[in-house]
Amino acid sequence: GMIDYLGSDMHNIKHAHIIMDYLNSKEWRKLSREIEPTIK
């Protein structure tokens, strides 16, 4: 419970592709529910 902010730290379009693919994963769906309460 120690994540206060999430960031893309996006430097290029390749980073965008990686993030987009990850957001469609089962892991992210589970993880996002866990961290959502602390994100500001």
PDB file of all heavy atoms in Angstrom:
ATOM      1  N   GLY A   1       0.794  -1.230   0.000  1.00  0.00           N
ATOM      2  CA  GLY A   1       0.000   0.000   0.000  1.00  0.00           C
ATOM      3  C   GLY A   1       0.818   1.267   0.000  1.00  0.00           C
ATOM      4  O   GLY A   1       0.417   2.280   0.582  1.00  0.00           O
ATOM      5  N   MET A   2       1.978   1.251  -0.674  1.00  0.00           N
ATOM      6  CA  MET A   2       2.889   2.390  -0.621  1.00  0.00           C
ATOM      7  C   MET A   2       3.076   3.078  -1.974  1.00  0.00           C
ATOM      8  O   MET A   2       4.047   3.798  -2.172  1.00  0.00           O
ATOM      9  CB  MET A   2       4.241   1.943  -0.060  1.00  0.00           C
ATOM     10  CG  MET A   2       4.167   1.557   1.407  1.00  0.00           C
ATOM     11  SD  MET A   2       5.729   0.895   2.060  1.00  0.00           S
ATOM     12  CE  MET A   2       6.763   2.359   1.969  1.00  0.00           C
ATOM     13  N   ILE A   3       2.147   2.858  -2.899  1.00  0.00           N
ATOM     14  CA  ILE A   3       2.204   3.598  -4.160  1.00  0.00           C
ATOM     15  C   ILE A   3       1.241   4.780  -4.058  1.00  0.00           C
ATOM     16  O   ILE A   3       0.035   4.605  -3.929  1.00  0.00           O
ATOM     17  CB  ILE A   3       1.820   2.722  -5.369  1.00  0.00           C
ATOM     18  CG1 ILE A   3       2.734   1.497  -5.452  1.00  0.00           C
ATOM     19  CG2 ILE A   3       1.910   3.537  -6.655  1.00  0.00           C
ATOM     20  CD1 ILE A   3       2.392   0.562  -6.601  1.00  0.00           C
ATOM     21  N   ASP A   4       1.795   5.989  -4.096  1.00  0.00           N
ATOM     22  CA  ASP A   4       0.973   7.191  -4.016  1.00  0.00           C
ATOM     23  C   ASP A   4       0.579   7.706  -5.396  1.00  0.00           C
ATOM     24  O   ASP A   4      -0.515   8.257  -5.571  1.00  0.00           O
ATOM     25  CB  ASP A   4       1.741   8.292  -3.269  1.00  0.00           C
ATOM     26  CG  ASP A   4       2.130   7.852  -1.870  1.00  0.00           C
ATOM     27  OD1 ASP A   4       1.223   7.718  -1.030  1.00  0.00           O
ATOM     28  OD2 ASP A   4       3.331   7.621  -1.629  1.00  0.00           O
ATOM     29  N   TYR A   5       1.479   7.536  -6.357  1.00  0.00           N
ATOM     30  CA  TYR A   5       1.237   8.005  -7.722  1.00  0.00           C
ATOM     31  C   TYR A   5       1.750   6.957  -8.707  1.00  0.00           C
ATOM     32  O   TYR A   5       2.766   6.305  -8.449  1.00  0.00           O
ATOM     33  CB  TYR A   5       1.962   9.329  -7.989  1.00  0.00           C
ATOM     34  CG  TYR A   5       1.558  10.446  -7.059  1.00  0.00           C
ATOM     35  CD1 TYR A   5       2.274  10.692  -5.887  1.00  0.00           C
ATOM     36  CD2 TYR A   5       0.458  11.247  -7.346  1.00  0.00           C
ATOM     37  CE1 TYR A   5       1.902  11.699  -5.020  1.00  0.00           C
ATOM     38  CE2 TYR A   5       0.074  12.271  -6.484  1.00  0.00           C
ATOM     39  CZ  TYR A   5       0.804  12.487  -5.314  1.00  0.00           C
ATOM     40  OH  TYR A   5       0.427  13.484  -4.454  1.00  0.00           O
ATOM     41  N   LEU A   6       1.055   6.818  -9.808  1.00  0.00           N
ATOM     42  CA  LEU A   6       1.538   6.002 -10.919  1.00  0.00           C
ATOM     43  C   LEU A   6       1.909   6.930 -12.063  1.00  0.00           C
ATOM     44  O   LEU A   6       1.268   7.970 -12.271  1.00  0.00           O
ATOM     45  CB  LEU A   6       0.468   5.016 -11.387  1.00  0.00           C
ATOM     46  CG  LEU A   6       0.240   3.789 -10.503  1.00  0.00           C
ATOM     47  CD1 LEU A   6      -1.001   3.043 -10.955  1.00  0.00           C
ATOM     48  CD2 LEU A   6       1.453   2.865 -10.528  1.00  0.00           C
ATOM     49  N   GLY A   7       2.942   6.566 -12.805  1.00  0.00           N
ATOM     50  CA  GLY A   7       3.352   7.373 -13.945  1.00  0.00           C
ATOM     51  C   GLY A   7       3.675   6.488 -15.129  1.00  0.00           C
ATOM     52  O   GLY A   7       4.064   5.325 -14.965  1.00  0.00           O
ATOM     53  N   SER A   8       3.521   7.043 -16.317  1.00  0.00           N
ATOM     54  CA  SER A   8       3.908   6.277 -17.502  1.00  0.00           C
ATOM     55  C   SER A   8       5.416   6.301 -17.701  1.00  0.00           C
ATOM     56  O   SER A   8       5.997   5.344 -18.193  1.00  0.00           O
ATOM     57  CB  SER A   8       3.214   6.848 -18.751  1.00  0.00           C
ATOM     58  OG  SER A   8       3.757   8.117 -19.089  1.00  0.00           O
ATOM     59  N   ASP A   9       6.060   7.418 -17.306  1.00  0.00           N
ATOM     60  CA  ASP A   9       7.484   7.648 -17.602  1.00  0.00           C
ATOM     61  C   ASP A   9       7.745   7.392 -19.083  1.00  0.00           C
ATOM     62  O   ASP A   9       8.798   6.891 -19.478  1.00  0.00           O
ATOM     63  CB  ASP A   9       8.385   6.767 -16.742  1.00  0.00           C
ATOM     64  CG  ASP A   9       9.817   7.302 -16.633  1.00  0.00           C
ATOM     65  OD1 ASP A   9      10.090   8.388 -17.198  1.00  0.00           O
ATOM     66  OD2 ASP A   9      10.658   6.631 -16.007  1.00  0.00           O
ATOM     67  N   MET A  10       6.772   7.750 -19.885  1.00  0.00           N
ATOM     68  CA  MET A  10       6.815   7.499 -21.329  1.00  0.00           C
ATOM     69  C   MET A  10       7.849   8.402 -22.001  1.00  0.00           C
ATOM     70  O   MET A  10       7.807   9.611 -21.894  1.00  0.00           O
ATOM     71  CB  MET A  10       5.426   7.758 -21.913  1.00  0.00           C
ATOM     72  CG  MET A  10       5.227   7.340 -23.344  1.00  0.00           C
ATOM     73  SD  MET A  10       3.579   7.841 -23.953  1.00  0.00           S
ATOM     74  CE  MET A  10       2.482   6.908 -22.892  1.00  0.00           C
ATOM     75  N   HIS A  11       8.801   7.774 -22.712  1.00  0.00           N
ATOM     76  CA  HIS A  11       9.804   8.510 -23.464  1.00  0.00           C
ATOM     77  C   HIS A  11       9.579   8.434 -24.976  1.00  0.00           C
ATOM     78  O   HIS A  11      10.150   9.227 -25.727  1.00  0.00           O
ATOM     79  CB  HIS A  11      11.207   7.955 -23.177  1.00  0.00           C
ATOM     80  CG  HIS A  11      11.769   8.346 -21.844  1.00  0.00           C
ATOM     81  ND1 HIS A  11      11.208   7.931 -20.647  1.00  0.00           N
ATOM     82  CD2 HIS A  11      12.854   9.100 -21.516  1.00  0.00           C
ATOM     83  CE1 HIS A  11      11.935   8.421 -19.647  1.00  0.00           C
ATOM     84  NE2 HIS A  11      12.931   9.129 -20.142  1.00  0.00           N
ATOM     85  N   ASN A  12       8.806   7.457 -25.420  1.00  0.00           N
ATOM     86  CA  ASN A  12       8.619   7.228 -26.852  1.00  0.00           C
ATOM     87  C   ASN A  12       7.365   6.387 -27.076  1.00  0.00           C
ATOM     88  O   ASN A  12       6.742   5.905 -26.117  1.00  0.00           O
ATOM     89  CB  ASN A  12       9.855   6.533 -27.447  1.00  0.00           C
ATOM     90  CG  ASN A  12      10.261   5.306 -26.636  1.00  0.00           C
ATOM     91  OD1 ASN A  12       9.467   4.378 -26.465  1.00  0.00           O
ATOM     92  ND2 ASN A  12      11.483   5.306 -26.116  1.00  0.00           N
ATOM     93  N   ILE A  13       7.009   6.198 -28.323  1.00  0.00           N
ATOM     94  CA  ILE A  13       5.789   5.471 -28.652  1.00  0.00           C
ATOM     95  C   ILE A  13       5.910   3.990 -28.330  1.00  0.00           C
ATOM     96  O   ILE A  13       4.908   3.304 -28.076  1.00  0.00           O
ATOM     97  CB  ILE A  13       5.395   5.706 -30.132  1.00  0.00           C
ATOM     98  CG1 ILE A  13       3.879   5.528 -30.323  1.00  0.00           C
ATOM     99  CG2 ILE A  13       6.196   4.845 -31.074  1.00  0.00           C
ATOM    100  CD1 ILE A  13       3.043   6.577 -29.643  1.00  0.00           C
ATOM    101  N   LYS A  14       7.144   3.463 -28.316  1.00  0.00           N
ATOM    102  CA  LYS A  14       7.346   2.065 -27.910  1.00  0.00           C
ATOM    103  C   LYS A  14       6.871   1.850 -26.483  1.00  0.00           C
ATOM    104  O   LYS A  14       6.216   0.844 -26.169  1.00  0.00           O
ATOM    105  CB  LYS A  14       8.824   1.687 -28.040  1.00  0.00           C
ATOM    106  CG  LYS A  14       9.143   0.288 -27.530  1.00  0.00           C
ATOM    107  CD  LYS A  14      10.642   0.016 -27.542  1.00  0.00           C
ATOM    108  CE  LYS A  14      10.963  -1.330 -26.895  1.00  0.00           C
ATOM    109  NZ  LYS A  14      12.424  -1.590 -26.847  1.00  0.00           N
ATOM    110  N   HIS A  15       7.196   2.787 -25.599  1.00  0.00           N
ATOM    111  CA  HIS A  15       6.726   2.695 -24.224  1.00  0.00           C
ATOM    112  C   HIS A  15       5.204   2.673 -24.179  1.00  0.00           C
ATOM    113  O   HIS A  15       4.604   1.943 -23.369  1.00  0.00           O
ATOM    114  CB  HIS A  15       7.250   3.871 -23.404  1.00  0.00           C
ATOM    115  CG  HIS A  15       8.711   3.801 -23.100  1.00  0.00           C
ATOM    116  ND1 HIS A  15       9.421   4.868 -22.606  1.00  0.00           N
ATOM    117  CD2 HIS A  15       9.597   2.780 -23.225  1.00  0.00           C
ATOM    118  CE1 HIS A  15      10.680   4.515 -22.420  1.00  0.00           C
ATOM    119  NE2 HIS A  15      10.816   3.253 -22.795  1.00  0.00           N
ATOM    120  N   ALA A  16       4.581   3.483 -25.016  1.00  0.00           N
ATOM    121  CA  ALA A  16       3.117   3.513 -25.060  1.00  0.00           C
ATOM    122  C   ALA A  16       2.547   2.153 -25.429  1.00  0.00           C
ATOM    123  O   ALA A  16       1.594   1.668 -24.817  1.00  0.00           O
ATOM    124  CB  ALA A  16       2.641   4.570 -26.057  1.00  0.00           C
ATOM    125  N   HIS A  17       3.142   1.505 -26.426  1.00  0.00           N
ATOM    126  CA  HIS A  17       2.683   0.180 -26.846  1.00  0.00           C
ATOM    127  C   HIS A  17       2.784  -0.833 -25.706  1.00  0.00           C
ATOM    128  O   HIS A  17       1.864  -1.636 -25.486  1.00  0.00           O
ATOM    129  CB  HIS A  17       3.516  -0.319 -28.028  1.00  0.00           C
ATOM    130  CG  HIS A  17       3.195   0.369 -29.314  1.00  0.00           C
ATOM    131  ND1 HIS A  17       4.066   0.362 -30.379  1.00  0.00           N
ATOM    132  CD2 HIS A  17       2.120   1.078 -29.709  1.00  0.00           C
ATOM    133  CE1 HIS A  17       3.529   1.035 -31.386  1.00  0.00           C
ATOM    134  NE2 HIS A  17       2.364   1.481 -30.991  1.00  0.00           N
ATOM    135  N   ILE A  18       3.909  -0.803 -24.989  1.00  0.00           N
ATOM    136  CA  ILE A  18       4.120  -1.752 -23.895  1.00  0.00           C
ATOM    137  C   ILE A  18       3.078  -1.545 -22.800  1.00  0.00           C
ATOM    138  O   ILE A  18       2.491  -2.506 -22.276  1.00  0.00           O
ATOM    139  CB  ILE A  18       5.543  -1.612 -23.331  1.00  0.00           C
ATOM    140  CG1 ILE A  18       6.583  -1.997 -24.388  1.00  0.00           C
ATOM    141  CG2 ILE A  18       5.720  -2.480 -22.079  1.00  0.00           C
ATOM    142  CD1 ILE A  18       8.006  -1.662 -23.994  1.00  0.00           C
ATOM    143  N   ILE A  19       2.840  -0.287 -22.453  1.00  0.00           N
ATOM    144  CA  ILE A  19       1.848   0.023 -21.426  1.00  0.00           C
ATOM    145  C   ILE A  19       0.451  -0.413 -21.862  1.00  0.00           C
ATOM    146  O   ILE A  19      -0.298  -1.032 -21.090  1.00  0.00           O
ATOM    147  CB  ILE A  19       1.872   1.526 -21.095  1.00  0.00           C
ATOM    148  CG1 ILE A  19       3.181   1.888 -20.369  1.00  0.00           C
ATOM    149  CG2 ILE A  19       0.667   1.917 -20.234  1.00  0.00           C
ATOM    150  CD1 ILE A  19       3.422   3.372 -20.209  1.00  0.00           C
ATOM    151  N   MET A  20       0.100  -0.125 -23.101  1.00  0.00           N
ATOM    152  CA  MET A  20      -1.233  -0.472 -23.593  1.00  0.00           C
ATOM    153  C   MET A  20      -1.458  -1.982 -23.555  1.00  0.00           C
ATOM    154  O   MET A  20      -2.522  -2.461 -23.143  1.00  0.00           O
ATOM    155  CB  MET A  20      -1.427   0.086 -25.000  1.00  0.00           C
ATOM    156  CG  MET A  20      -1.452   1.607 -25.042  1.00  0.00           C
ATOM    157  SD  MET A  20      -1.422   2.281 -26.717  1.00  0.00           S
ATOM    158  CE  MET A  20      -3.160   2.527 -26.987  1.00  0.00           C
ATOM    159  N   ASP A  21      -0.456  -2.736 -23.972  1.00  0.00           N
ATOM    160  CA  ASP A  21      -0.576  -4.194 -23.931  1.00  0.00           C
ATOM    161  C   ASP A  21      -0.724  -4.684 -22.487  1.00  0.00           C
ATOM    162  O   ASP A  21      -1.525  -5.580 -22.203  1.00  0.00           O
ATOM    163  CB  ASP A  21       0.636  -4.854 -24.585  1.00  0.00           C
ATOM    164  CG  ASP A  21       0.638  -4.727 -26.108  1.00  0.00           C
ATOM    165  OD1 ASP A  21      -0.434  -4.434 -26.676  1.00  0.00           O
ATOM    166  OD2 ASP A  21       1.710  -4.909 -26.714  1.00  0.00           O
ATOM    167  N   TYR A  22       0.044  -4.094 -21.582  1.00  0.00           N
ATOM    168  CA  TYR A  22      -0.010  -4.529 -20.188  1.00  0.00           C
ATOM    169  C   TYR A  22      -1.375  -4.231 -19.559  1.00  0.00           C
ATOM    170  O   TYR A  22      -1.892  -5.040 -18.768  1.00  0.00           O
ATOM    171  CB  TYR A  22       1.099  -3.859 -19.381  1.00  0.00           C
ATOM    172  CG  TYR A  22       1.139  -4.315 -17.939  1.00  0.00           C
ATOM    173  CD1 TYR A  22       1.532  -5.616 -17.624  1.00  0.00           C
ATOM    174  CD2 TYR A  22       0.771  -3.471 -16.904  1.00  0.00           C
ATOM    175  CE1 TYR A  22       1.553  -6.061 -16.301  1.00  0.00           C
ATOM    176  CE2 TYR A  22       0.789  -3.899 -15.588  1.00  0.00           C
ATOM    177  CZ  TYR A  22       1.178  -5.197 -15.291  1.00  0.00           C
ATOM    178  OH  TYR A  22       1.188  -5.631 -13.991  1.00  0.00           O
ATOM    179  N   LEU A  23      -1.954  -3.095 -19.893  1.00  0.00           N
ATOM    180  CA  LEU A  23      -3.257  -2.741 -19.327  1.00  0.00           C
ATOM    181  C   LEU A  23      -4.350  -3.713 -19.751  1.00  0.00           C
ATOM    182  O   LEU A  23      -5.382  -3.823 -19.079  1.00  0.00           O
ATOM    183  CB  LEU A  23      -3.656  -1.311 -19.727  1.00  0.00           C
ATOM    184  CG  LEU A  23      -2.775  -0.180 -19.204  1.00  0.00           C
ATOM    185  CD1 LEU A  23      -3.390   1.172 -19.549  1.00  0.00           C
ATOM    186  CD2 LEU A  23      -2.541  -0.294 -17.702  1.00  0.00           C
ATOM    187  N   ASN A  24      -4.111  -4.428 -20.838  1.00  0.00           N
ATOM    188  CA  ASN A  24      -5.087  -5.424 -21.306  1.00  0.00           C
ATOM    189  C   ASN A  24      -4.865  -6.800 -20.681  1.00  0.00           C
ATOM    190  O   ASN A  24      -5.574  -7.746 -21.012  1.00  0.00           O
ATOM    191  CB  ASN A  24      -5.020  -5.549 -22.834  1.00  0.00           C
ATOM    192  CG  ASN A  24      -5.656  -4.355 -23.525  1.00  0.00           C
ATOM    193  OD1 ASN A  24      -6.578  -3.735 -22.995  1.00  0.00           O
ATOM    194  ND2 ASN A  24      -5.173  -4.016 -24.697  1.00  0.00           N
ATOM    195  N   SER A  25      -3.887  -6.903 -19.778  1.00  0.00           N
ATOM    196  CA  SER A  25      -3.539  -8.203 -19.202  1.00  0.00           C
ATOM    197  C   SER A  25      -4.382  -8.509 -17.965  1.00  0.00           C
ATOM    198  O   SER A  25      -4.878  -7.606 -17.277  1.00  0.00           O
ATOM    199  CB  SER A  25      -2.057  -8.240 -18.828  1.00  0.00           C
ATOM    200  OG  SER A  25      -1.794  -7.394 -17.713  1.00  0.00           O
ATOM    201  N   LYS A  26      -4.495  -9.789 -17.653  1.00  0.00           N
ATOM    202  CA  LYS A  26      -5.187 -10.222 -16.440  1.00  0.00           C
ATOM    203  C   LYS A  26      -4.447  -9.742 -15.194  1.00  0.00           C
ATOM    204  O   LYS A  26      -5.067  -9.394 -14.184  1.00  0.00           O
ATOM    205  CB  LYS A  26      -5.313 -11.744 -16.420  1.00  0.00           C
ATOM    206  CG  LYS A  26      -6.267 -12.314 -17.459  1.00  0.00           C
ATOM    207  CD  LYS A  26      -6.344 -13.826 -17.352  1.00  0.00           C
ATOM    208  CE  LYS A  26      -7.297 -14.393 -18.398  1.00  0.00           C
ATOM    209  NZ  LYS A  26      -7.373 -15.886 -18.328  1.00  0.00           N
ATOM    210  N   GLU A  27      -3.115  -9.731 -15.271  1.00  0.00           N
ATOM    211  CA  GLU A  27      -2.338  -9.276 -14.122  1.00  0.00           C
ATOM    212  C   GLU A  27      -2.696  -7.849 -13.743  1.00  0.00           C
ATOM    213  O   GLU A  27      -2.872  -7.542 -12.558  1.00  0.00           O
ATOM    214  CB  GLU A  27      -0.842  -9.381 -14.411  1.00  0.00           C
ATOM    215  CG  GLU A  27       0.019  -8.892 -13.253  1.00  0.00           C
ATOM    216  CD  GLU A  27       1.503  -9.018 -13.516  1.00  0.00           C
ATOM    217  OE1 GLU A  27       2.008 -10.150 -13.422  1.00  0.00           O
ATOM    218  OE2 GLU A  27       2.148  -7.991 -13.818  1.00  0.00           O
ATOM    219  N   TRP A  28      -2.792  -6.965 -14.736  1.00  0.00           N
ATOM    220  CA  TRP A  28      -3.115  -5.572 -14.431  1.00  0.00           C
ATOM    221  C   TRP A  28      -4.514  -5.438 -13.840  1.00  0.00           C
ATOM    222  O   TRP A  28      -4.729  -4.664 -12.915  1.00  0.00           O
ATOM    223  CB  TRP A  28      -2.987  -4.694 -15.666  1.00  0.00           C
ATOM    224  CG  TRP A  28      -3.514  -3.309 -15.405  1.00  0.00           C
ATOM    225  CD1 TRP A  28      -4.652  -2.750 -15.901  1.00  0.00           C
ATOM    226  CD2 TRP A  28      -2.929  -2.309 -14.541  1.00  0.00           C
ATOM    227  NE1 TRP A  28      -4.826  -1.478 -15.404  1.00  0.00           N
ATOM    228  CE2 TRP A  28      -3.778  -1.191 -14.569  1.00  0.00           C
ATOM    229  CE3 TRP A  28      -1.777  -2.274 -13.759  1.00  0.00           C
ATOM    230  CZ2 TRP A  28      -3.510  -0.036 -13.844  1.00  0.00           C
ATOM    231  CZ3 TRP A  28      -1.519  -1.123 -13.027  1.00  0.00           C
ATOM    232  CH2 TRP A  28      -2.366  -0.032 -13.078  1.00  0.00           C
ATOM    233  N   ARG A  29      -5.477  -6.192 -14.358  1.00  0.00           N
ATOM    234  CA  ARG A  29      -6.834  -6.096 -13.829  1.00  0.00           C
ATOM    235  C   ARG A  29      -6.855  -6.428 -12.335  1.00  0.00           C
ATOM    236  O   ARG A  29      -7.528  -5.758 -11.550  1.00  0.00           O
ATOM    237  CB  ARG A  29      -7.774  -7.029 -14.594  1.00  0.00           C
ATOM    238  CG  ARG A  29      -8.133  -6.516 -15.977  1.00  0.00           C
ATOM    239  CD  ARG A  29      -9.376  -7.192 -16.523  1.00  0.00           C
ATOM    240  NE  ARG A  29      -9.149  -8.610 -16.798  1.00  0.00           N
ATOM    241  CZ  ARG A  29      -8.661  -9.074 -17.942  1.00  0.00           C
ATOM    242  NH1 ARG A  29      -8.336  -8.229 -18.919  1.00  0.00           N
ATOM    243  NH2 ARG A  29      -8.500 -10.372 -18.135  1.00  0.00           N
ATOM    244  N   LYS A  30      -6.100  -7.434 -11.939  1.00  0.00           N
ATOM    245  CA  LYS A  30      -6.024  -7.801 -10.530  1.00  0.00           C
ATOM    246  C   LYS A  30      -5.233  -6.764  -9.729  1.00  0.00           C
ATOM    247  O   LYS A  30      -5.657  -6.327  -8.645  1.00  0.00           O
ATOM    248  CB  LYS A  30      -5.381  -9.180 -10.394  1.00  0.00           C
ATOM    249  CG  LYS A  30      -5.259  -9.664  -8.957  1.00  0.00           C
ATOM    250  CD  LYS A  30      -4.607 -11.042  -8.910  1.00  0.00           C
ATOM    251  CE  LYS A  30      -4.455 -11.515  -7.465  1.00  0.00           C
ATOM    252  NZ  LYS A  30      -3.789 -12.839  -7.389  1.00  0.00           N
ATOM    253  N   LEU A  31      -4.088  -6.351 -10.260  1.00  0.00           N
ATOM    254  CA  LEU A  31      -3.215  -5.411  -9.556  1.00  0.00           C
ATOM    255  C   LEU A  31      -3.880  -4.044  -9.388  1.00  0.00           C
ATOM    256  O   LEU A  31      -3.760  -3.409  -8.332  1.00  0.00           O
ATOM    257  CB  LEU A  31      -1.897  -5.269 -10.320  1.00  0.00           C
ATOM    258  CG  LEU A  31      -0.793  -4.439  -9.668  1.00  0.00           C
ATOM    259  CD1 LEU A  31      -0.354  -5.069  -8.352  1.00  0.00           C
ATOM    260  CD2 LEU A  31       0.398  -4.305 -10.616  1.00  0.00           C
ATOM    261  N   SER A  32      -4.580  -3.589 -10.399  1.00  0.00           N
ATOM    262  CA  SER A  32      -5.189  -2.259 -10.348  1.00  0.00           C
ATOM    263  C   SER A  32      -6.221  -2.167  -9.223  1.00  0.00           C
ATOM    264  O   SER A  32      -6.351  -1.124  -8.579  1.00  0.00           O
ATOM    265  CB  SER A  32      -5.821  -1.899 -11.694  1.00  0.00           C
ATOM    266  OG  SER A  32      -6.878  -2.778 -12.014  1.00  0.00           O
ATOM    267  N   ARG A  33      -6.941  -3.247  -8.976  1.00  0.00           N
ATOM    268  CA  ARG A  33      -7.918  -3.251  -7.871  1.00  0.00           C
ATOM    269  C   ARG A  33      -7.209  -3.120  -6.526  1.00  0.00           C
ATOM    270  O   ARG A  33      -7.732  -2.507  -5.590  1.00  0.00           O
ATOM    271  CB  ARG A  33      -8.760  -4.525  -7.906  1.00  0.00           C
ATOM    272  CG  ARG A  33      -9.734  -4.590  -9.071  1.00  0.00           C
ATOM    273  CD  ARG A  33     -10.753  -5.704  -8.882  1.00  0.00           C
ATOM    274  NE  ARG A  33     -10.135  -7.026  -8.928  1.00  0.00           N
ATOM    275  CZ  ARG A  33      -9.985  -7.742 -10.038  1.00  0.00           C
ATOM    276  NH1 ARG A  33     -10.414  -7.258 -11.201  1.00  0.00           N
ATOM    277  NH2 ARG A  33      -9.426  -8.950  -9.996  1.00  0.00           N
ATOM    278  N   GLU A  34      -6.003  -3.685  -6.442  1.00  0.00           N
ATOM    279  CA  GLU A  34      -5.243  -3.639  -5.198  1.00  0.00           C
ATOM    280  C   GLU A  34      -4.688  -2.255  -4.913  1.00  0.00           C
ATOM    281  O   GLU A  34      -4.671  -1.790  -3.768  1.00  0.00           O
ATOM    282  CB  GLU A  34      -4.096  -4.655  -5.264  1.00  0.00           C
ATOM    283  CG  GLU A  34      -3.264  -4.737  -4.007  1.00  0.00           C
ATOM    284  CD  GLU A  34      -2.187  -5.811  -4.078  1.00  0.00           C
ATOM    285  OE1 GLU A  34      -2.021  -6.436  -5.159  1.00  0.00           O
ATOM    286  OE2 GLU A  34      -1.499  -6.025  -3.065  1.00  0.00           O
ATOM    287  N   ILE A  35      -4.225  -1.560  -5.962  1.00  0.00           N
ATOM    288  CA  ILE A  35      -3.533  -0.284  -5.733  1.00  0.00           C
ATOM    289  C   ILE A  35      -4.428   0.941  -5.869  1.00  0.00           C
ATOM    290  O   ILE A  35      -4.068   2.020  -5.411  1.00  0.00           O
ATOM    291  CB  ILE A  35      -2.321  -0.135  -6.689  1.00  0.00           C
ATOM    292  CG1 ILE A  35      -2.782  -0.108  -8.150  1.00  0.00           C
ATOM    293  CG2 ILE A  35      -1.314  -1.244  -6.454  1.00  0.00           C
ATOM    294  CD1 ILE A  35      -1.638   0.027  -9.133  1.00  0.00           C
ATOM    295  N   GLU A  36      -5.594   0.789  -6.458  1.00  0.00           N
ATOM    296  CA  GLU A  36      -6.456   1.951  -6.706  1.00  0.00           C
ATOM    297  C   GLU A  36      -6.724   2.788  -5.456  1.00  0.00           C
ATOM    298  O   GLU A  36      -6.709   4.036  -5.529  1.00  0.00           O
ATOM    299  CB  GLU A  36      -7.777   1.506  -7.337  1.00  0.00           C
ATOM    300  CG  GLU A  36      -8.689   2.674  -7.697  1.00  0.00           C
ATOM    301  CD  GLU A  36      -9.924   2.248  -8.478  1.00  0.00           C
ATOM    302  OE1 GLU A  36     -10.078   1.037  -8.764  1.00  0.00           O
ATOM    303  OE2 GLU A  36     -10.724   3.135  -8.809  1.00  0.00           O
ATOM    304  N   PRO A  37      -6.951   2.194  -4.271  1.00  0.00           N
ATOM    305  CA  PRO A  37      -7.280   3.018  -3.098  1.00  0.00           C
ATOM    306  C   PRO A  37      -6.193   4.001  -2.677  1.00  0.00           C
ATOM    307  O   PRO A  37      -6.488   4.993  -2.001  1.00  0.00           O
ATOM    308  CB  PRO A  37      -7.524   1.968  -1.999  1.00  0.00           C
ATOM    309  CG  PRO A  37      -7.920   0.736  -2.731  1.00  0.00           C
ATOM    310  CD  PRO A  37      -7.086   0.754  -3.980  1.00  0.00           C
ATOM    311  N   THR A  38      -4.931   3.754  -3.039  1.00  0.00           N
ATOM    312  CA  THR A  38      -3.851   4.635  -2.570  1.00  0.00           C
ATOM    313  C   THR A  38      -3.433   5.685  -3.604  1.00  0.00           C
ATOM    314  O   THR A  38      -2.654   6.584  -3.282  1.00  0.00           O
ATOM    315  CB  THR A  38      -2.597   3.816  -2.191  1.00  0.00           C
ATOM    316  OG1 THR A  38      -2.010   3.232  -3.368  1.00  0.00           O
ATOM    317  CG2 THR A  38      -2.944   2.723  -1.197  1.00  0.00           C
ATOM    318  N   ILE A  39      -3.939   5.598  -4.834  1.00  0.00           N
ATOM    319  CA  ILE A  39      -3.447   6.455  -5.924  1.00  0.00           C
ATOM    320  C   ILE A  39      -4.050   7.850  -5.860  1.00  0.00           C
ATOM    321  O   ILE A  39      -5.265   8.011  -5.805  1.00  0.00           O
ATOM    322  CB  ILE A  39      -3.733   5.797  -7.289  1.00  0.00           C
ATOM    323  CG1 ILE A  39      -3.046   4.430  -7.374  1.00  0.00           C
ATOM    324  CG2 ILE A  39      -3.255   6.705  -8.431  1.00  0.00           C
ATOM    325  CD1 ILE A  39      -1.553   4.451  -7.136  1.00  0.00           C
ATOM    326  N   LYS A  40      -3.177   8.863  -5.911  1.00  0.00           N
ATOM    327  CA  LYS A  40      -3.588  10.260  -5.723  1.00  0.00           C
ATOM    328  C   LYS A  40      -3.402  11.111  -6.979  1.00  0.00           C
ATOM    329  O   LYS A  40      -3.454  12.352  -6.896  1.00  0.00           O
ATOM    330  CB  LYS A  40      -2.798  10.883  -4.568  1.00  0.00           C
ATOM    331  CG  LYS A  40      -2.893  10.105  -3.251  1.00  0.00           C
ATOM    332  CD  LYS A  40      -1.943  10.670  -2.216  1.00  0.00           C
ATOM    333  CE  LYS A  40      -2.004   9.891  -0.903  1.00  0.00           C
ATOM    334  NZ  LYS A  40      -1.518   8.496  -1.040  1.00  0.00           N
TER     335      LYS A  40
END
